Structures are given as C-alpha cells and as structure tokens.
Amino acid sequence: MQDITVILIDDHAVVREGYRRLLERDSHIQVLAEGETAGDGYRLVCDKQPDVVVMDITLPGMSGIEVTRRILSKIPGQKILIFSMHEDMVFVNRAFQAGAKGYVTKSAAPEALIEAVRQVSLGKLYLSHEMAQSIASQTISDSGKDLDSLSGREFEIFHLLVQGKTLNEISAALHISYKTVANYQSNIRQKLGATTAAQIVRIAIDHGVISSVDKS
C-alpha cells in the first residue's frame, strides 16, 4: 500500500500534535506539515500538494470552508477532509458545497479520522457514523433553512458576527474594507429578516451554528 501524505491545519498546536500522533499510528500515513492559520494552510497545500488535507473550520484569517474553496480553485483535484467540532447540518452542507470530500467531528472515535483519511485519499466521500446519525435525526427542512440563502462569503461573515467579532476585526481578518463588511452585514440581515444583532445570534443558536452558552 502506498503511503498517504497529509497536511494538518488547526489553530491549536496541542490539537495538531495529538492528531499527528493518531494518524501516524498507521504506518501508511505520513504527516508532511502542519498549519496554524488559514494563510499557513493555503500556502502549505499549494507548495506540498498532499494526498489529503485535514482541516478545521474555525481558523484565524478565514474559515476552513473558505480555504477549501480557494485551494480547489488553485488545485482542483486536491482532496480535503473537514475535521471540526461543529455537528450541525449547516456546516456539513457548506463543507461539501465548497468541495470537501469528507466531514468528521472531533467527538468521533479516533479510528474514524484514520478511516476518513484512507477513504478520502481514494477519492471517496466520507461522513463519520456519528455525524450521519446526527444528520438523520434532524429535520432537514428546518436545519439551515434560512441560512441556505446566504452566499459562501456571507455565511463566513455571519459566522464571525455571531462569534462577537466587530466589523473592524472582520475587515482585518478577511482583508476586505470596513465598508464591504458593513454591506455584507446589511445583506445578511435582510436575507435573514433580522434587524438587530440579537436576532442574528438567535438564528445562529436555532440552527446550531453557535451554542447559547458559548459564542466563541
């Protein structure tokens, strides 16, 4: 069996180290490099072009979903596996719409990540058993219904807004002007029928984008 090369992208060094050790239990998986930010990840993947990219969604700079889009616009055949704490259908949908080949939650059994890397490296789609069960238990028509109207960039900014980021912070993180962010915010509110920040947060909680007790 040929070795599978991997790049890990996660903003926590301890997490990356743990998953590197987990993956390298399999003698046929080799972790080439690790990235901490969205920019790091993009540069590493473009430079090394591994068999599989294992990437978190919440990253400094931009979301893992947006990085997925950018990587695939540069390297159309790159295989990307999203490995995230988010268990709601809206994130799964966004990941696959962006071109990811697999989605595994961090609450899944350790073996699930190894199996996901193997399957994705073969060009197959992968969804962990726990994630599939979670999705099946949700009412599809209710999950992400309002959020489906948002574009990829709008959803990214929506996600940052409900984490409590200011327009200035979002502008700096995404390298776009304050005015552009403000325009996106206005469009988001219009599409979601929300007139206040509190209403936007309520929508995010209702759709599982954030927790009611932890908005970070």
N, C-alpha and C. Protein backbone atom coordinates (compact mmCIF):
# COMPACT_ATOMS: atom_id res chain seq x y z
N MET A 1 0.84 -1.20 0.00
CA MET A 1 0.00 0.00 0.00
C MET A 1 0.87 1.24 0.00
N GLN A 2 0.56 2.19 -0.88
CA GLN A 2 1.34 3.41 -0.98
C GLN A 2 1.03 4.34 0.19
N ASP A 3 2.06 5.04 0.68
CA ASP A 3 1.85 5.97 1.79
C ASP A 3 0.89 7.09 1.39
N ILE A 4 0.10 7.54 2.37
CA ILE A 4 -0.83 8.66 2.17
C ILE A 4 -0.21 9.88 2.85
N THR A 5 0.04 10.93 2.08
CA THR A 5 0.62 12.14 2.66
C THR A 5 -0.50 13.09 3.09
N VAL A 6 -0.28 13.74 4.25
CA VAL A 6 -1.32 14.56 4.86
C VAL A 6 -0.73 15.89 5.34
N ILE A 7 -1.52 16.94 5.24
CA ILE A 7 -1.21 18.21 5.91
C ILE A 7 -2.34 18.50 6.89
N LEU A 8 -1.99 18.84 8.13
CA LEU A 8 -2.95 19.17 9.18
C LEU A 8 -3.06 20.68 9.32
N ILE A 9 -4.29 21.19 9.35
CA ILE A 9 -4.49 22.63 9.55
C ILE A 9 -5.47 22.82 10.71
N ASP A 10 -4.94 23.33 11.83
CA ASP A 10 -5.74 23.58 13.03
C ASP A 10 -5.01 24.66 13.82
N ASP A 11 -5.77 25.53 14.48
CA ASP A 11 -5.13 26.67 15.15
C ASP A 11 -4.60 26.35 16.54
N HIS A 12 -4.71 25.12 17.00
CA HIS A 12 -4.19 24.74 18.31
C HIS A 12 -3.05 23.73 18.17
N ALA A 13 -1.86 24.12 18.63
CA ALA A 13 -0.68 23.28 18.48
C ALA A 13 -0.84 21.93 19.18
N VAL A 14 -1.43 21.94 20.37
CA VAL A 14 -1.61 20.69 21.12
C VAL A 14 -2.54 19.74 20.36
N VAL A 15 -3.58 20.31 19.77
CA VAL A 15 -4.52 19.50 18.98
C VAL A 15 -3.82 18.90 17.77
N ARG A 16 -3.03 19.72 17.08
CA ARG A 16 -2.31 19.21 15.90
C ARG A 16 -1.36 18.09 16.28
N GLU A 17 -0.66 18.26 17.39
CA GLU A 17 0.29 17.24 17.82
C GLU A 17 -0.43 15.93 18.13
N GLY A 18 -1.58 16.05 18.81
CA GLY A 18 -2.34 14.85 19.14
C GLY A 18 -2.83 14.10 17.91
N TYR A 19 -3.32 14.84 16.94
CA TYR A 19 -3.84 14.19 15.73
C TYR A 19 -2.72 13.70 14.82
N ARG A 20 -1.58 14.38 14.87
CA ARG A 20 -0.42 13.86 14.12
C ARG A 20 -0.05 12.48 14.65
N ARG A 21 0.04 12.36 15.97
CA ARG A 21 0.39 11.07 16.57
C ARG A 21 -0.66 10.01 16.25
N LEU A 22 -1.93 10.42 16.30
CA LEU A 22 -3.00 9.49 15.99
C LEU A 22 -2.88 8.97 14.56
N LEU A 23 -2.73 9.88 13.61
CA LEU A 23 -2.65 9.48 12.21
C LEU A 23 -1.43 8.62 11.93
N GLU A 24 -0.32 8.97 12.57
CA GLU A 24 0.92 8.25 12.28
C GLU A 24 1.02 6.91 13.01
N ARG A 25 -0.05 6.54 13.74
CA ARG A 25 -0.14 5.16 14.22
C ARG A 25 -0.24 4.22 13.04
N ASP A 26 -0.83 4.74 11.96
CA ASP A 26 -0.93 3.98 10.72
C ASP A 26 0.37 4.19 9.96
N SER A 27 1.10 3.12 9.74
CA SER A 27 2.42 3.22 9.10
C SER A 27 2.35 3.72 7.67
N HIS A 28 1.15 3.75 7.09
CA HIS A 28 1.00 4.20 5.71
C HIS A 28 0.52 5.65 5.60
N ILE A 29 0.42 6.33 6.75
CA ILE A 29 0.03 7.75 6.73
C ILE A 29 1.21 8.60 7.19
N GLN A 30 1.58 9.57 6.41
CA GLN A 30 2.70 10.45 6.72
C GLN A 30 2.23 11.90 6.75
N VAL A 31 2.38 12.56 7.91
CA VAL A 31 2.02 13.97 8.03
C VAL A 31 3.20 14.81 7.56
N LEU A 32 3.03 15.50 6.45
CA LEU A 32 4.12 16.28 5.86
C LEU A 32 4.38 17.58 6.59
N ALA A 33 3.29 18.23 7.04
CA ALA A 33 3.44 19.55 7.66
C ALA A 33 2.15 19.91 8.40
N GLU A 34 2.25 20.96 9.22
CA GLU A 34 1.10 21.45 9.98
C GLU A 34 0.96 22.95 9.75
N GLY A 35 -0.28 23.43 9.66
CA GLY A 35 -0.55 24.85 9.53
C GLY A 35 -1.43 25.33 10.66
N GLU A 36 -1.17 26.55 11.13
CA GLU A 36 -1.92 27.10 12.26
C GLU A 36 -3.04 28.05 11.82
N THR A 37 -2.82 28.76 10.71
CA THR A 37 -3.79 29.73 10.24
C THR A 37 -4.29 29.34 8.85
N ALA A 38 -5.33 30.05 8.41
CA ALA A 38 -5.85 29.80 7.06
C ALA A 38 -4.78 30.07 6.01
N GLY A 39 -4.05 31.16 6.19
CA GLY A 39 -2.99 31.50 5.24
C GLY A 39 -1.88 30.47 5.22
N ASP A 40 -1.47 30.01 6.41
CA ASP A 40 -0.44 28.96 6.50
C ASP A 40 -0.90 27.72 5.73
N GLY A 41 -2.14 27.33 5.99
CA GLY A 41 -2.66 26.12 5.37
C GLY A 41 -2.69 26.23 3.86
N TYR A 42 -3.16 27.35 3.36
CA TYR A 42 -3.25 27.55 1.91
C TYR A 42 -1.87 27.45 1.27
N ARG A 43 -0.89 28.13 1.87
CA ARG A 43 0.47 28.12 1.30
C ARG A 43 1.09 26.72 1.35
N LEU A 44 0.91 26.02 2.47
CA LEU A 44 1.48 24.68 2.60
C LEU A 44 0.88 23.71 1.59
N VAL A 45 -0.43 23.78 1.43
CA VAL A 45 -1.09 22.86 0.50
C VAL A 45 -0.67 23.14 -0.94
N CYS A 46 -0.60 24.41 -1.31
CA CYS A 46 -0.18 24.76 -2.67
C CYS A 46 1.26 24.35 -2.93
N ASP A 47 2.09 24.42 -1.89
CA ASP A 47 3.51 24.07 -2.04
C ASP A 47 3.72 22.56 -2.08
N LYS A 48 3.09 21.83 -1.16
CA LYS A 48 3.38 20.40 -1.00
C LYS A 48 2.36 19.48 -1.68
N GLN A 49 1.15 19.97 -1.92
CA GLN A 49 0.10 19.20 -2.58
C GLN A 49 0.01 17.76 -2.05
N PRO A 50 -0.40 17.61 -0.78
CA PRO A 50 -0.50 16.28 -0.17
C PRO A 50 -1.66 15.49 -0.75
N ASP A 51 -1.72 14.22 -0.41
CA ASP A 51 -2.86 13.41 -0.84
C ASP A 51 -4.15 13.89 -0.19
N VAL A 52 -4.06 14.24 1.10
CA VAL A 52 -5.25 14.67 1.84
C VAL A 52 -4.90 15.86 2.74
N VAL A 53 -5.80 16.83 2.77
CA VAL A 53 -5.71 17.94 3.73
C VAL A 53 -6.74 17.69 4.82
N VAL A 54 -6.30 17.70 6.08
CA VAL A 54 -7.21 17.57 7.22
C VAL A 54 -7.32 18.95 7.86
N MET A 55 -8.50 19.55 7.81
CA MET A 55 -8.63 20.95 8.18
C MET A 55 -9.82 21.24 9.08
N ASP A 56 -9.57 22.09 10.08
CA ASP A 56 -10.63 22.57 10.96
C ASP A 56 -11.44 23.65 10.22
N ILE A 57 -12.62 23.97 10.73
CA ILE A 57 -13.41 25.04 10.14
C ILE A 57 -13.03 26.39 10.72
N THR A 58 -12.88 26.45 12.05
CA THR A 58 -12.61 27.72 12.72
C THR A 58 -11.11 27.97 12.75
N LEU A 59 -10.66 28.89 11.89
CA LEU A 59 -9.24 29.20 11.75
C LEU A 59 -9.03 30.71 11.76
N PRO A 60 -7.86 31.17 12.22
CA PRO A 60 -7.54 32.60 12.11
C PRO A 60 -7.42 33.01 10.64
N GLY A 61 -8.02 34.12 10.29
CA GLY A 61 -7.90 34.64 8.93
C GLY A 61 -9.14 34.44 8.11
N MET A 62 -9.58 33.21 7.98
CA MET A 62 -10.83 32.89 7.28
C MET A 62 -11.23 31.48 7.68
N SER A 63 -12.44 31.10 7.34
CA SER A 63 -12.91 29.77 7.74
C SER A 63 -12.28 28.68 6.89
N GLY A 64 -12.26 27.47 7.45
CA GLY A 64 -11.75 26.34 6.70
C GLY A 64 -12.58 26.07 5.45
N ILE A 65 -13.85 26.44 5.48
CA ILE A 65 -14.70 26.25 4.31
C ILE A 65 -14.26 27.18 3.18
N GLU A 66 -13.94 28.43 3.53
CA GLU A 66 -13.47 29.37 2.52
C GLU A 66 -12.09 28.96 2.00
N VAL A 67 -11.22 28.46 2.89
CA VAL A 67 -9.90 27.98 2.45
C VAL A 67 -10.07 26.81 1.48
N THR A 68 -11.04 25.95 1.77
CA THR A 68 -11.33 24.82 0.87
C THR A 68 -11.64 25.32 -0.53
N ARG A 69 -12.49 26.33 -0.62
CA ARG A 69 -12.83 26.90 -1.94
C ARG A 69 -11.58 27.42 -2.64
N ARG A 70 -10.76 28.13 -1.89
CA ARG A 70 -9.58 28.76 -2.51
C ARG A 70 -8.56 27.72 -2.96
N ILE A 71 -8.37 26.70 -2.14
CA ILE A 71 -7.44 25.64 -2.52
C ILE A 71 -7.92 24.95 -3.79
N LEU A 72 -9.21 24.64 -3.85
CA LEU A 72 -9.74 23.92 -5.01
C LEU A 72 -9.78 24.78 -6.27
N SER A 73 -9.84 26.09 -6.10
CA SER A 73 -9.76 26.95 -7.29
C SER A 73 -8.35 26.95 -7.85
N LYS A 74 -7.37 26.69 -6.97
CA LYS A 74 -5.96 26.63 -7.38
C LYS A 74 -5.56 25.22 -7.79
N ILE A 75 -6.01 24.23 -7.01
CA ILE A 75 -5.67 22.82 -7.26
C ILE A 75 -6.98 22.03 -7.28
N PRO A 76 -7.65 21.96 -8.42
CA PRO A 76 -8.99 21.36 -8.50
C PRO A 76 -9.10 19.93 -7.97
N GLY A 77 -8.05 19.15 -8.05
CA GLY A 77 -8.14 17.75 -7.63
C GLY A 77 -7.76 17.50 -6.19
N GLN A 78 -7.44 18.55 -5.44
CA GLN A 78 -6.99 18.35 -4.06
C GLN A 78 -8.10 17.76 -3.19
N LYS A 79 -7.77 16.74 -2.42
CA LYS A 79 -8.75 16.08 -1.54
C LYS A 79 -8.68 16.71 -0.15
N ILE A 80 -9.83 17.17 0.33
CA ILE A 80 -9.89 17.89 1.61
C ILE A 80 -10.90 17.23 2.53
N LEU A 81 -10.46 16.98 3.77
CA LEU A 81 -11.30 16.39 4.81
C LEU A 81 -11.49 17.43 5.91
N ILE A 82 -12.72 17.79 6.19
CA ILE A 82 -13.01 18.73 7.28
C ILE A 82 -13.12 17.95 8.59
N PHE A 83 -12.39 18.45 9.60
CA PHE A 83 -12.35 17.80 10.91
C PHE A 83 -12.69 18.88 11.93
N SER A 84 -13.92 18.87 12.44
CA SER A 84 -14.42 20.03 13.18
C SER A 84 -15.24 19.65 14.39
N MET A 85 -15.38 20.61 15.32
CA MET A 85 -16.24 20.43 16.48
C MET A 85 -17.71 20.63 16.12
N HIS A 86 -17.99 21.27 14.97
CA HIS A 86 -19.36 21.60 14.59
C HIS A 86 -20.11 20.36 14.10
N GLU A 87 -21.27 20.10 14.70
CA GLU A 87 -22.03 18.89 14.38
C GLU A 87 -23.36 19.19 13.69
N ASP A 88 -23.61 20.43 13.36
CA ASP A 88 -24.88 20.77 12.74
C ASP A 88 -24.84 20.60 11.23
N MET A 89 -25.99 20.28 10.66
CA MET A 89 -26.12 20.03 9.23
C MET A 89 -25.64 21.20 8.38
N VAL A 90 -25.84 22.42 8.87
CA VAL A 90 -25.49 23.58 8.05
C VAL A 90 -24.00 23.59 7.72
N PHE A 91 -23.16 23.17 8.67
CA PHE A 91 -21.72 23.13 8.43
C PHE A 91 -21.35 22.00 7.48
N VAL A 92 -22.00 20.87 7.64
CA VAL A 92 -21.74 19.74 6.74
C VAL A 92 -22.09 20.12 5.30
N ASN A 93 -23.27 20.72 5.14
CA ASN A 93 -23.69 21.15 3.80
C ASN A 93 -22.70 22.13 3.19
N ARG A 94 -22.29 23.12 3.99
CA ARG A 94 -21.36 24.14 3.49
C ARG A 94 -20.03 23.51 3.09
N ALA A 95 -19.57 22.56 3.89
CA ALA A 95 -18.28 21.92 3.60
C ALA A 95 -18.32 21.16 2.28
N PHE A 96 -19.37 20.37 2.08
CA PHE A 96 -19.47 19.60 0.85
C PHE A 96 -19.75 20.49 -0.36
N GLN A 97 -20.52 21.55 -0.16
CA GLN A 97 -20.76 22.50 -1.24
C GLN A 97 -19.46 23.18 -1.68
N ALA A 98 -18.55 23.39 -0.73
CA ALA A 98 -17.26 24.02 -1.04
C ALA A 98 -16.32 23.06 -1.76
N GLY A 99 -16.62 21.75 -1.70
CA GLY A 99 -15.80 20.77 -2.40
C GLY A 99 -15.06 19.79 -1.52
N ALA A 100 -15.29 19.84 -0.20
CA ALA A 100 -14.65 18.87 0.70
C ALA A 100 -15.13 17.46 0.36
N LYS A 101 -14.27 16.47 0.60
CA LYS A 101 -14.60 15.08 0.31
C LYS A 101 -15.06 14.32 1.55
N GLY A 102 -14.85 14.90 2.73
CA GLY A 102 -15.24 14.21 3.94
C GLY A 102 -15.47 15.17 5.08
N TYR A 103 -16.22 14.71 6.09
CA TYR A 103 -16.50 15.52 7.26
C TYR A 103 -16.54 14.60 8.47
N VAL A 104 -15.66 14.88 9.44
CA VAL A 104 -15.60 14.11 10.67
C VAL A 104 -15.60 15.08 11.84
N THR A 105 -16.38 14.78 12.87
CA THR A 105 -16.39 15.65 14.04
C THR A 105 -15.30 15.22 15.02
N LYS A 106 -14.87 16.17 15.84
CA LYS A 106 -13.82 15.88 16.81
C LYS A 106 -14.31 15.00 17.96
N SER A 107 -15.62 14.78 18.03
CA SER A 107 -16.16 13.88 19.04
C SER A 107 -16.22 12.44 18.55
N ALA A 108 -15.89 12.22 17.29
CA ALA A 108 -15.92 10.86 16.73
C ALA A 108 -14.81 10.00 17.32
N ALA A 109 -14.95 8.70 17.21
CA ALA A 109 -13.91 7.78 17.67
C ALA A 109 -12.61 8.04 16.91
N PRO A 110 -11.45 7.88 17.56
CA PRO A 110 -10.17 8.14 16.89
C PRO A 110 -10.02 7.40 15.57
N GLU A 111 -10.52 6.16 15.53
CA GLU A 111 -10.39 5.36 14.32
C GLU A 111 -11.12 5.99 13.13
N ALA A 112 -12.12 6.82 13.42
CA ALA A 112 -12.90 7.43 12.34
C ALA A 112 -12.04 8.37 11.51
N LEU A 113 -11.13 9.10 12.16
CA LEU A 113 -10.28 10.02 11.42
C LEU A 113 -9.34 9.26 10.50
N ILE A 114 -8.76 8.18 11.00
CA ILE A 114 -7.85 7.37 10.17
C ILE A 114 -8.60 6.79 8.97
N GLU A 115 -9.79 6.24 9.23
CA GLU A 115 -10.58 5.67 8.14
C GLU A 115 -10.99 6.75 7.14
N ALA A 116 -11.32 7.93 7.65
CA ALA A 116 -11.71 9.03 6.76
C ALA A 116 -10.56 9.41 5.84
N VAL A 117 -9.36 9.50 6.38
CA VAL A 117 -8.19 9.85 5.57
C VAL A 117 -7.99 8.79 4.49
N ARG A 118 -8.11 7.52 4.85
CA ARG A 118 -7.95 6.45 3.87
C ARG A 118 -8.98 6.56 2.74
N GLN A 119 -10.24 6.74 3.13
CA GLN A 119 -11.32 6.78 2.13
C GLN A 119 -11.21 8.02 1.23
N VAL A 120 -10.94 9.16 1.84
CA VAL A 120 -10.81 10.39 1.06
C VAL A 120 -9.62 10.32 0.11
N SER A 121 -8.54 9.67 0.55
CA SER A 121 -7.36 9.54 -0.31
C SER A 121 -7.67 8.74 -1.58
N LEU A 122 -8.69 7.88 -1.49
CA LEU A 122 -9.11 7.06 -2.63
C LEU A 122 -10.13 7.78 -3.50
N GLY A 123 -10.46 9.01 -3.11
CA GLY A 123 -11.43 9.78 -3.88
C GLY A 123 -12.87 9.55 -3.48
N LYS A 124 -13.07 8.84 -2.36
CA LYS A 124 -14.43 8.55 -1.90
C LYS A 124 -14.90 9.63 -0.93
N LEU A 125 -16.21 9.82 -0.85
CA LEU A 125 -16.79 10.72 0.13
C LEU A 125 -16.87 10.00 1.47
N TYR A 126 -16.67 10.75 2.56
CA TYR A 126 -16.72 10.11 3.88
C TYR A 126 -17.46 11.00 4.86
N LEU A 127 -18.36 10.37 5.61
CA LEU A 127 -19.07 11.03 6.71
C LEU A 127 -19.07 10.05 7.87
N SER A 128 -18.58 10.48 9.02
CA SER A 128 -18.48 9.57 10.16
C SER A 128 -19.87 9.06 10.57
N HIS A 129 -19.89 7.87 11.15
CA HIS A 129 -21.15 7.23 11.53
C HIS A 129 -21.95 8.13 12.48
N GLU A 130 -21.27 8.71 13.47
CA GLU A 130 -21.94 9.57 14.43
C GLU A 130 -22.56 10.78 13.74
N MET A 131 -21.83 11.33 12.78
CA MET A 131 -22.32 12.50 12.06
C MET A 131 -23.53 12.14 11.21
N ALA A 132 -23.48 10.99 10.56
CA ALA A 132 -24.60 10.55 9.74
C ALA A 132 -25.85 10.35 10.60
N GLN A 133 -25.68 9.77 11.79
CA GLN A 133 -26.82 9.57 12.68
C GLN A 133 -27.38 10.90 13.15
N SER A 134 -26.48 11.83 13.46
CA SER A 134 -26.91 13.16 13.92
C SER A 134 -27.72 13.86 12.84
N ILE A 135 -27.24 13.77 11.62
CA ILE A 135 -27.94 14.41 10.50
C ILE A 135 -29.31 13.76 10.29
N ALA A 136 -29.34 12.44 10.37
CA ALA A 136 -30.60 11.72 10.14
C ALA A 136 -31.66 12.09 11.17
N SER A 137 -31.21 12.47 12.38
CA SER A 137 -32.15 12.80 13.45
C SER A 137 -32.69 14.22 13.34
N GLN A 138 -32.09 15.03 12.48
CA GLN A 138 -32.53 16.41 12.32
C GLN A 138 -33.62 16.49 11.26
N THR A 139 -34.45 17.46 11.38
CA THR A 139 -35.47 17.71 10.36
C THR A 139 -34.81 18.53 9.27
N ILE A 140 -34.62 17.91 8.12
CA ILE A 140 -33.88 18.55 7.04
C ILE A 140 -34.48 19.89 6.66
N SER A 141 -35.79 19.98 6.62
CA SER A 141 -36.42 21.22 6.19
C SER A 141 -36.19 22.36 7.16
N ASP A 142 -35.92 22.03 8.43
CA ASP A 142 -35.71 23.06 9.43
C ASP A 142 -34.25 23.43 9.59
N SER A 143 -33.35 22.50 9.27
CA SER A 143 -31.93 22.72 9.54
C SER A 143 -31.29 23.56 8.45
N GLY A 144 -30.88 24.78 8.81
CA GLY A 144 -30.19 25.63 7.86
C GLY A 144 -31.11 26.26 6.83
N LYS A 145 -32.44 26.18 7.04
CA LYS A 145 -33.39 26.67 6.04
C LYS A 145 -33.11 28.13 5.69
N ASP A 146 -33.04 29.00 6.70
CA ASP A 146 -32.79 30.42 6.45
C ASP A 146 -31.38 30.65 5.94
N LEU A 147 -30.44 29.91 6.46
CA LEU A 147 -29.03 30.13 6.15
C LEU A 147 -28.68 29.72 4.73
N ASP A 148 -29.50 28.90 4.10
CA ASP A 148 -29.23 28.49 2.72
C ASP A 148 -29.26 29.67 1.75
N SER A 149 -29.90 30.76 2.16
CA SER A 149 -29.99 31.93 1.29
C SER A 149 -28.68 32.72 1.26
N LEU A 150 -27.78 32.44 2.20
CA LEU A 150 -26.52 33.19 2.27
C LEU A 150 -25.49 32.61 1.31
N SER A 151 -24.74 33.50 0.68
CA SER A 151 -23.62 33.06 -0.16
C SER A 151 -22.50 32.55 0.74
N GLY A 152 -21.47 31.97 0.13
CA GLY A 152 -20.34 31.47 0.91
C GLY A 152 -19.69 32.55 1.75
N ARG A 153 -19.44 33.71 1.15
CA ARG A 153 -18.81 34.81 1.88
C ARG A 153 -19.74 35.36 2.95
N GLU A 154 -21.04 35.46 2.63
CA GLU A 154 -22.00 35.95 3.61
C GLU A 154 -22.06 35.02 4.82
N PHE A 155 -22.03 33.72 4.57
CA PHE A 155 -22.07 32.78 5.70
C PHE A 155 -20.82 32.91 6.55
N GLU A 156 -19.68 33.10 5.91
CA GLU A 156 -18.42 33.27 6.65
C GLU A 156 -18.51 34.50 7.56
N ILE A 157 -19.01 35.61 7.03
CA ILE A 157 -19.13 36.83 7.83
C ILE A 157 -20.20 36.68 8.90
N PHE A 158 -21.29 36.03 8.56
CA PHE A 158 -22.33 35.71 9.55
C PHE A 158 -21.74 34.94 10.73
N HIS A 159 -20.93 33.93 10.42
CA HIS A 159 -20.31 33.11 11.46
C HIS A 159 -19.41 33.94 12.36
N LEU A 160 -18.66 34.88 11.77
CA LEU A 160 -17.78 35.75 12.57
C LEU A 160 -18.60 36.73 13.41
N LEU A 161 -19.66 37.27 12.84
CA LEU A 161 -20.51 38.21 13.57
C LEU A 161 -21.11 37.57 14.82
N VAL A 162 -21.60 36.35 14.69
CA VAL A 162 -22.26 35.72 15.84
C VAL A 162 -21.25 35.21 16.86
N GLN A 163 -19.97 35.23 16.51
CA GLN A 163 -18.92 34.94 17.50
C GLN A 163 -18.54 36.21 18.26
N GLY A 164 -19.18 37.33 17.91
CA GLY A 164 -18.91 38.58 18.61
C GLY A 164 -17.84 39.44 17.99
N LYS A 165 -17.40 39.10 16.78
CA LYS A 165 -16.37 39.90 16.11
C LYS A 165 -16.95 41.23 15.65
N THR A 166 -16.16 42.30 15.78
CA THR A 166 -16.60 43.61 15.30
C THR A 166 -16.37 43.71 13.80
N LEU A 167 -16.98 44.72 13.18
CA LEU A 167 -16.78 44.90 11.74
C LEU A 167 -15.32 45.18 11.43
N ASN A 168 -14.65 45.93 12.30
CA ASN A 168 -13.22 46.19 12.10
C ASN A 168 -12.40 44.91 12.17
N GLU A 169 -12.72 44.05 13.13
CA GLU A 169 -11.99 42.79 13.28
C GLU A 169 -12.22 41.88 12.07
N ILE A 170 -13.44 41.84 11.57
CA ILE A 170 -13.74 41.03 10.39
C ILE A 170 -13.02 41.58 9.17
N SER A 171 -13.02 42.90 9.05
CA SER A 171 -12.31 43.55 7.94
C SER A 171 -10.84 43.16 7.92
N ALA A 172 -10.21 43.20 9.10
CA ALA A 172 -8.78 42.85 9.20
C ALA A 172 -8.55 41.37 8.93
N ALA A 173 -9.42 40.52 9.45
CA ALA A 173 -9.24 39.07 9.30
C ALA A 173 -9.40 38.62 7.86
N LEU A 174 -10.34 39.23 7.15
CA LEU A 174 -10.64 38.78 5.78
C LEU A 174 -9.97 39.65 4.71
N HIS A 175 -9.26 40.68 5.17
CA HIS A 175 -8.54 41.56 4.24
C HIS A 175 -9.49 42.22 3.24
N ILE A 176 -10.61 42.69 3.75
CA ILE A 176 -11.55 43.46 2.94
C ILE A 176 -11.89 44.74 3.70
N SER A 177 -12.43 45.74 3.02
CA SER A 177 -12.67 47.03 3.65
C SER A 177 -13.82 46.97 4.66
N TYR A 178 -13.79 47.92 5.58
CA TYR A 178 -14.86 48.04 6.58
C TYR A 178 -16.21 48.22 5.87
N LYS A 179 -16.22 49.06 4.83
CA LYS A 179 -17.46 49.33 4.10
C LYS A 179 -18.01 48.05 3.46
N THR A 180 -17.11 47.22 2.93
CA THR A 180 -17.55 45.96 2.33
C THR A 180 -18.18 45.04 3.37
N VAL A 181 -17.55 44.97 4.55
CA VAL A 181 -18.11 44.15 5.63
C VAL A 181 -19.48 44.68 6.04
N ALA A 182 -19.59 46.00 6.16
CA ALA A 182 -20.87 46.61 6.54
C ALA A 182 -21.96 46.30 5.52
N ASN A 183 -21.58 46.31 4.25
CA ASN A 183 -22.55 45.96 3.19
C ASN A 183 -22.99 44.51 3.30
N TYR A 184 -22.02 43.62 3.58
CA TYR A 184 -22.36 42.21 3.77
C TYR A 184 -23.30 42.04 4.96
N GLN A 185 -22.99 42.75 6.05
CA GLN A 185 -23.84 42.66 7.24
C GLN A 185 -25.27 43.09 6.91
N SER A 186 -25.41 44.15 6.15
CA SER A 186 -26.74 44.63 5.76
C SER A 186 -27.47 43.59 4.92
N ASN A 187 -26.75 42.97 3.97
CA ASN A 187 -27.36 41.94 3.13
C ASN A 187 -27.78 40.73 3.95
N ILE A 188 -26.92 40.35 4.90
CA ILE A 188 -27.21 39.19 5.76
C ILE A 188 -28.49 39.44 6.56
N ARG A 189 -28.58 40.62 7.17
CA ARG A 189 -29.77 40.94 7.96
C ARG A 189 -31.03 40.93 7.10
N GLN A 190 -30.90 41.45 5.90
CA GLN A 190 -32.06 41.50 5.00
C GLN A 190 -32.50 40.09 4.62
N LYS A 191 -31.55 39.23 4.26
CA LYS A 191 -31.88 37.87 3.86
C LYS A 191 -32.48 37.06 5.00
N LEU A 192 -32.00 37.31 6.21
CA LEU A 192 -32.46 36.53 7.36
C LEU A 192 -33.66 37.17 8.05
N GLY A 193 -34.04 38.37 7.61
CA GLY A 193 -35.16 39.06 8.24
C GLY A 193 -34.84 39.50 9.64
N ALA A 194 -33.57 39.83 9.89
CA ALA A 194 -33.13 40.25 11.23
C ALA A 194 -32.78 41.73 11.21
N THR A 195 -33.25 42.46 12.22
CA THR A 195 -32.96 43.89 12.29
C THR A 195 -31.95 44.23 13.38
N THR A 196 -31.69 43.28 14.27
CA THR A 196 -30.74 43.53 15.37
C THR A 196 -29.71 42.41 15.46
N ALA A 197 -28.60 42.71 16.15
CA ALA A 197 -27.56 41.70 16.37
C ALA A 197 -28.11 40.53 17.18
N ALA A 198 -28.99 40.84 18.13
CA ALA A 198 -29.56 39.79 18.97
C ALA A 198 -30.37 38.79 18.14
N GLN A 199 -31.09 39.30 17.14
CA GLN A 199 -31.88 38.41 16.28
C GLN A 199 -30.98 37.51 15.44
N ILE A 200 -29.86 38.05 14.98
CA ILE A 200 -28.90 37.25 14.21
C ILE A 200 -28.34 36.13 15.09
N VAL A 201 -27.99 36.48 16.33
CA VAL A 201 -27.46 35.47 17.26
C VAL A 201 -28.51 34.40 17.53
N ARG A 202 -29.78 34.81 17.66
CA ARG A 202 -30.85 33.85 17.91
C ARG A 202 -30.98 32.86 16.75
N ILE A 203 -30.86 33.36 15.53
CA ILE A 203 -30.92 32.49 14.35
C ILE A 203 -29.75 31.51 14.37
N ALA A 204 -28.56 32.02 14.74
CA ALA A 204 -27.37 31.16 14.80
C ALA A 204 -27.55 30.05 15.82
N ILE A 205 -28.11 30.38 16.98
CA ILE A 205 -28.35 29.38 18.02
C ILE A 205 -29.38 28.36 17.55
N ASP A 206 -30.46 28.85 16.94
CA ASP A 206 -31.53 27.95 16.48
C ASP A 206 -31.04 26.94 15.45
N HIS A 207 -30.03 27.33 14.67
CA HIS A 207 -29.52 26.44 13.62
C HIS A 207 -28.23 25.72 14.03
N GLY A 208 -27.86 25.83 15.31
CA GLY A 208 -26.71 25.09 15.80
C GLY A 208 -25.37 25.64 15.36
N VAL A 209 -25.35 26.88 14.85
CA VAL A 209 -24.08 27.47 14.41
C VAL A 209 -23.22 27.82 15.61
N ILE A 210 -23.86 28.28 16.68
CA ILE A 210 -23.18 28.53 17.95
C ILE A 210 -24.03 27.98 19.08
N SER A 211 -23.40 27.84 20.24
CA SER A 211 -24.11 27.39 21.43
C SER A 211 -24.67 28.60 22.17
N SER A 212 -25.75 28.41 22.88
CA SER A 212 -26.35 29.51 23.64
C SER A 212 -25.50 29.90 24.84
N VAL A 213 -24.56 29.03 25.23
CA VAL A 213 -23.72 29.34 26.39
C VAL A 213 -22.30 29.69 26.01
N ASP A 214 -21.92 29.40 24.77
CA ASP A 214 -20.54 29.69 24.36
C ASP A 214 -20.54 30.17 22.93
N LYS A 215 -20.37 31.47 22.74
CA LYS A 215 -20.42 32.04 21.41
C LYS A 215 -19.04 32.26 20.83
N SER A 216 -18.01 31.69 21.46
CA SER A 216 -16.65 31.89 20.96
C SER A 216 -16.30 30.81 19.98
